[in-house]
Amino acid sequence: MSRLLAISGSPSPTSRTTLLLDHVARRLSRAGIDARRLAVRDLPSADLLAGRREHPALREALGDVEAAAGVIVATPVYKASYTGLLKAFLDLLPQDALAGKTVLPLVTGGSLAHVLTIDYALRPVLSALGARHVVAGRFLLDTSIEPRPGGGTRIEPEAERQLFHAVEDFVAALPVVTAPVTGSGSVLAAAS
C-alpha cells in the first residue's frame, strides 16, 4: 500500500484548514489508505525558520515527505497566497522532493476572490519541487467547514461532494493505486 502524507500549513491550532485536512485523512484511513498527517506549526519554529534540517523533528518530517507516494498540501489563504509557515517548510525540501509524487493542493479562505490561489500561488511551487502530477485542487470557503461538538468536522454537503471528487482523482492519479476509485467502491463511498 502506498503511503500518503497530509500537510497542514496553517499556523492556527483551531484552523478550519486543519479540520478539513484531518477530515480527508480520516476518510482515506477508513478506506484502508495509510494517510499520515503533518502539522507544520508543530515543528520547531526556530530551526524551521533558520532552515536547519538537522533537528530530529525536521529530519522526520522531511523523511515523511520522501517516503510518501502522494502528498496533500493544505493551507489557508493569507494575503492572497499560501502561508509563510508552509513556505518555510517547502523551502527546506530538496529541489526534487516531490519527484515521482502525486500532489493534491487544498486551500481554504474567506472569499471566493481567493479561489485562484491554487493555480497562481501554490501549484507553481509544487511543480518546481518536481511533482509528477499536481491534480486539480480544491478551494473551500471557511464557512463551509465547521467543527462538530465532541470532535469531527461537518462540511457543507456540496463542498464535501466536490472535495471528495478531487480526492478520488488524486487517489486515481497516484503512482500505485491504493484503493478503488470508481462506482460504489470509491474512496467517498467506502469511507462514508
Protein backbone atom coordinates (compact mmCIF):
# COMPACT_ATOMS: atom_id res chain seq x y z
CA MET A 1 0.00 0.00 0.00
CA SER A 2 1.26 3.47 -0.85
CA ARG A 3 1.69 5.96 1.94
CA LEU A 4 0.16 9.42 1.73
CA LEU A 5 1.21 12.48 3.68
CA ALA A 6 -1.30 15.22 4.53
CA ILE A 7 0.49 18.51 5.32
CA SER A 8 -1.25 21.38 7.08
CA GLY A 9 0.38 24.76 6.54
CA SER A 10 -1.90 26.58 8.98
CA PRO A 11 -0.30 28.28 11.98
CA SER A 12 -3.53 28.04 14.00
CA PRO A 13 -4.34 25.06 16.23
CA THR A 14 -8.07 25.70 15.64
CA SER A 15 -7.75 26.13 11.89
CA ARG A 16 -10.57 25.14 9.55
CA THR A 17 -7.82 24.11 7.13
CA THR A 18 -6.55 21.57 9.64
CA LEU A 19 -10.11 20.39 10.32
CA LEU A 20 -10.54 19.88 6.57
CA LEU A 21 -7.25 18.03 6.21
CA ASP A 22 -7.94 15.81 9.22
CA HIS A 23 -11.39 15.03 7.77
CA VAL A 24 -9.83 13.96 4.47
CA ALA A 25 -7.10 11.90 6.20
CA ARG A 26 -9.67 10.12 8.41
CA ARG A 27 -11.81 9.26 5.40
CA LEU A 28 -8.81 7.94 3.50
CA SER A 29 -7.71 5.90 6.53
CA ARG A 30 -11.19 4.38 6.87
CA ALA A 31 -10.91 3.40 3.20
CA GLY A 32 -7.70 1.50 4.04
CA ILE A 33 -5.21 4.10 2.82
CA ASP A 34 -2.25 4.97 5.05
CA ALA A 35 -2.69 8.75 5.34
CA ARG A 36 -0.28 10.32 7.81
CA ARG A 37 -0.60 13.90 8.99
CA LEU A 38 1.98 16.64 9.44
CA ALA A 39 1.10 19.98 11.03
CA VAL A 40 3.96 22.31 10.12
CA ARG A 41 3.07 24.51 13.14
CA ASP A 42 4.19 21.64 15.41
CA LEU A 43 7.73 21.66 14.03
CA PRO A 44 10.43 23.56 15.95
CA SER A 45 9.95 27.11 14.68
CA ALA A 46 13.49 28.44 15.25
CA ASP A 47 15.03 25.57 13.28
CA LEU A 48 12.31 25.75 10.61
CA LEU A 49 12.79 29.47 10.04
CA ALA A 50 16.58 29.17 10.11
CA GLY A 51 16.47 26.34 7.58
CA ARG A 52 18.23 23.91 9.90
CA ARG A 53 17.28 20.42 8.73
CA GLU A 54 19.32 18.72 11.47
CA HIS A 55 16.64 18.89 14.18
CA PRO A 56 15.18 15.36 14.64
CA ALA A 57 11.60 16.57 14.11
CA LEU A 58 12.54 18.27 10.85
CA ARG A 59 14.54 15.25 9.67
CA GLU A 60 11.49 13.08 10.41
CA ALA A 61 9.15 15.44 8.54
CA LEU A 62 11.46 15.54 5.52
CA GLY A 63 11.67 11.74 5.65
CA ASP A 64 7.88 11.52 5.69
CA VAL A 65 7.74 13.61 2.50
CA GLU A 66 10.38 11.40 0.90
CA ALA A 67 8.54 8.18 1.83
CA ALA A 68 5.14 9.33 0.57
CA ALA A 69 3.78 8.35 -2.84
CA GLY A 70 1.27 11.16 -2.63
CA VAL A 71 1.13 14.42 -0.74
CA ILE A 72 -1.87 16.54 0.18
CA VAL A 73 -0.88 20.14 0.87
CA ALA A 74 -3.49 22.25 2.68
CA THR A 75 -3.25 25.93 3.53
CA PRO A 76 -5.44 28.86 4.38
CA VAL A 77 -5.15 31.94 2.18
CA TYR A 78 -3.19 34.76 3.80
CA LYS A 79 -2.59 37.93 1.76
CA ALA A 80 -3.73 36.19 -1.46
CA SER A 81 -1.24 33.32 -1.09
CA TYR A 82 -0.37 30.25 0.98
CA THR A 83 1.00 30.80 4.47
CA GLY A 84 4.55 31.83 5.26
CA LEU A 85 4.72 28.83 7.58
CA LEU A 86 4.07 26.48 4.65
CA LYS A 87 6.60 28.41 2.55
CA ALA A 88 9.25 27.96 5.26
CA PHE A 89 8.66 24.19 5.21
CA LEU A 90 8.60 23.94 1.41
CA ASP A 91 11.89 25.87 1.34
CA LEU A 92 13.51 23.13 3.46
CA LEU A 93 12.64 20.45 0.91
CA PRO A 94 15.26 19.40 -1.62
CA GLN A 95 14.64 20.72 -5.15
CA ASP A 96 13.32 17.33 -6.31
CA ALA A 97 11.46 16.43 -3.10
CA LEU A 98 8.16 15.81 -4.91
CA ALA A 99 9.65 13.96 -7.90
CA GLY A 100 7.55 10.93 -8.73
CA LYS A 101 4.78 12.03 -6.36
CA THR A 102 1.18 12.99 -6.95
CA VAL A 103 0.09 16.13 -5.10
CA LEU A 104 -3.35 17.43 -4.14
CA PRO A 105 -3.50 21.12 -3.14
CA LEU A 106 -6.33 22.15 -0.79
CA VAL A 107 -6.96 25.79 0.06
CA THR A 108 -9.41 27.45 2.44
CA GLY A 109 -10.36 31.09 2.51
CA GLY A 110 -12.99 33.59 3.48
CA SER A 111 -13.90 34.73 -0.03
CA LEU A 112 -14.23 33.23 -3.49
CA ALA A 113 -11.92 36.04 -4.60
CA HIS A 114 -9.07 33.76 -3.46
CA VAL A 115 -10.03 30.70 -5.49
CA LEU A 116 -7.14 31.21 -7.92
CA THR A 117 -4.58 30.88 -5.10
CA ILE A 118 -4.25 27.21 -6.02
CA ASP A 119 -3.24 27.83 -9.61
CA TYR A 120 -1.29 31.08 -9.27
CA ALA A 121 0.47 30.65 -5.93
CA LEU A 122 0.57 27.01 -4.78
CA ARG A 123 0.71 24.95 -7.98
CA PRO A 124 3.89 26.66 -9.30
CA VAL A 125 5.91 25.90 -6.15
CA LEU A 126 4.68 22.29 -6.04
CA SER A 127 5.65 21.87 -9.69
CA ALA A 128 9.04 23.49 -9.03
CA LEU A 129 9.64 20.80 -6.39
CA GLY A 130 9.30 18.20 -9.15
CA ALA A 131 5.80 16.85 -8.50
CA ARG A 132 4.97 14.11 -11.01
CA HIS A 133 1.38 15.31 -11.15
CA VAL A 134 -0.39 18.14 -9.33
CA VAL A 135 -4.06 17.22 -9.62
CA ALA A 136 -6.83 19.79 -9.73
CA GLY A 137 -7.00 21.15 -6.24
CA ARG A 138 -10.00 22.30 -4.29
CA PHE A 139 -10.80 25.65 -2.67
CA LEU A 140 -13.32 25.65 0.17
CA LEU A 141 -14.84 28.62 1.90
CA ASP A 142 -14.12 28.73 5.62
CA THR A 143 -17.86 28.97 6.23
CA SER A 144 -18.42 25.54 4.66
CA ILE A 145 -16.26 23.83 7.32
CA GLU A 146 -17.48 23.53 10.92
CA PRO A 147 -16.14 21.67 13.93
CA ARG A 148 -18.63 19.21 15.42
CA PRO A 149 -19.24 19.21 19.15
CA GLY A 150 -17.26 16.34 20.62
CA GLY A 151 -14.89 16.13 17.66
CA GLY A 152 -15.07 15.63 13.94
CA THR A 153 -15.92 18.02 11.16
CA ARG A 154 -19.02 18.94 9.23
CA ILE A 155 -18.52 20.15 5.67
CA GLU A 156 -21.37 21.69 3.68
CA PRO A 157 -22.71 18.82 1.50
CA GLU A 158 -21.96 20.31 -1.93
CA ALA A 159 -18.47 21.37 -0.84
CA GLU A 160 -17.83 17.88 0.56
CA ARG A 161 -19.03 16.25 -2.66
CA GLN A 162 -16.63 18.41 -4.70
CA LEU A 163 -13.83 17.83 -2.20
CA PHE A 164 -14.09 14.06 -2.38
CA HIS A 165 -14.34 14.13 -6.15
CA ALA A 166 -10.92 15.85 -6.06
CA VAL A 167 -9.65 13.30 -3.51
CA GLU A 168 -10.78 10.41 -5.73
CA ASP A 169 -8.99 11.98 -8.71
CA PHE A 170 -5.88 12.29 -6.52
CA VAL A 171 -6.02 8.64 -5.42
CA ALA A 172 -6.57 7.52 -9.02
CA ALA A 173 -3.50 9.52 -10.12
CA LEU A 174 -1.14 8.00 -7.55
CA PRO A 175 1.79 6.04 -8.99
CA VAL A 176 0.32 2.94 -7.34
CA VAL A 177 -3.45 2.93 -6.90
CA THR A 178 -4.18 2.36 -3.22
CA ALA A 179 -7.97 1.98 -3.29
CA PRO A 180 -10.78 1.56 -5.81
CA VAL A 181 -11.85 4.92 -7.18
CA THR A 182 -14.97 4.22 -9.19
CA GLY A 183 -18.50 3.07 -8.56
CA SER A 184 -19.63 2.02 -5.10
CA GLY A 185 -16.03 1.19 -4.14
CA SER A 186 -14.89 4.80 -4.37
CA VAL A 187 -12.99 6.50 -1.58
CA LEU A 188 -16.03 8.66 -0.85
CA ALA A 189 -18.46 5.74 -0.76
CA ALA A 190 -16.09 3.37 1.02
CA ALA A 191 -15.40 5.87 3.75
CA SER A 192 -18.93 7.12 4.42
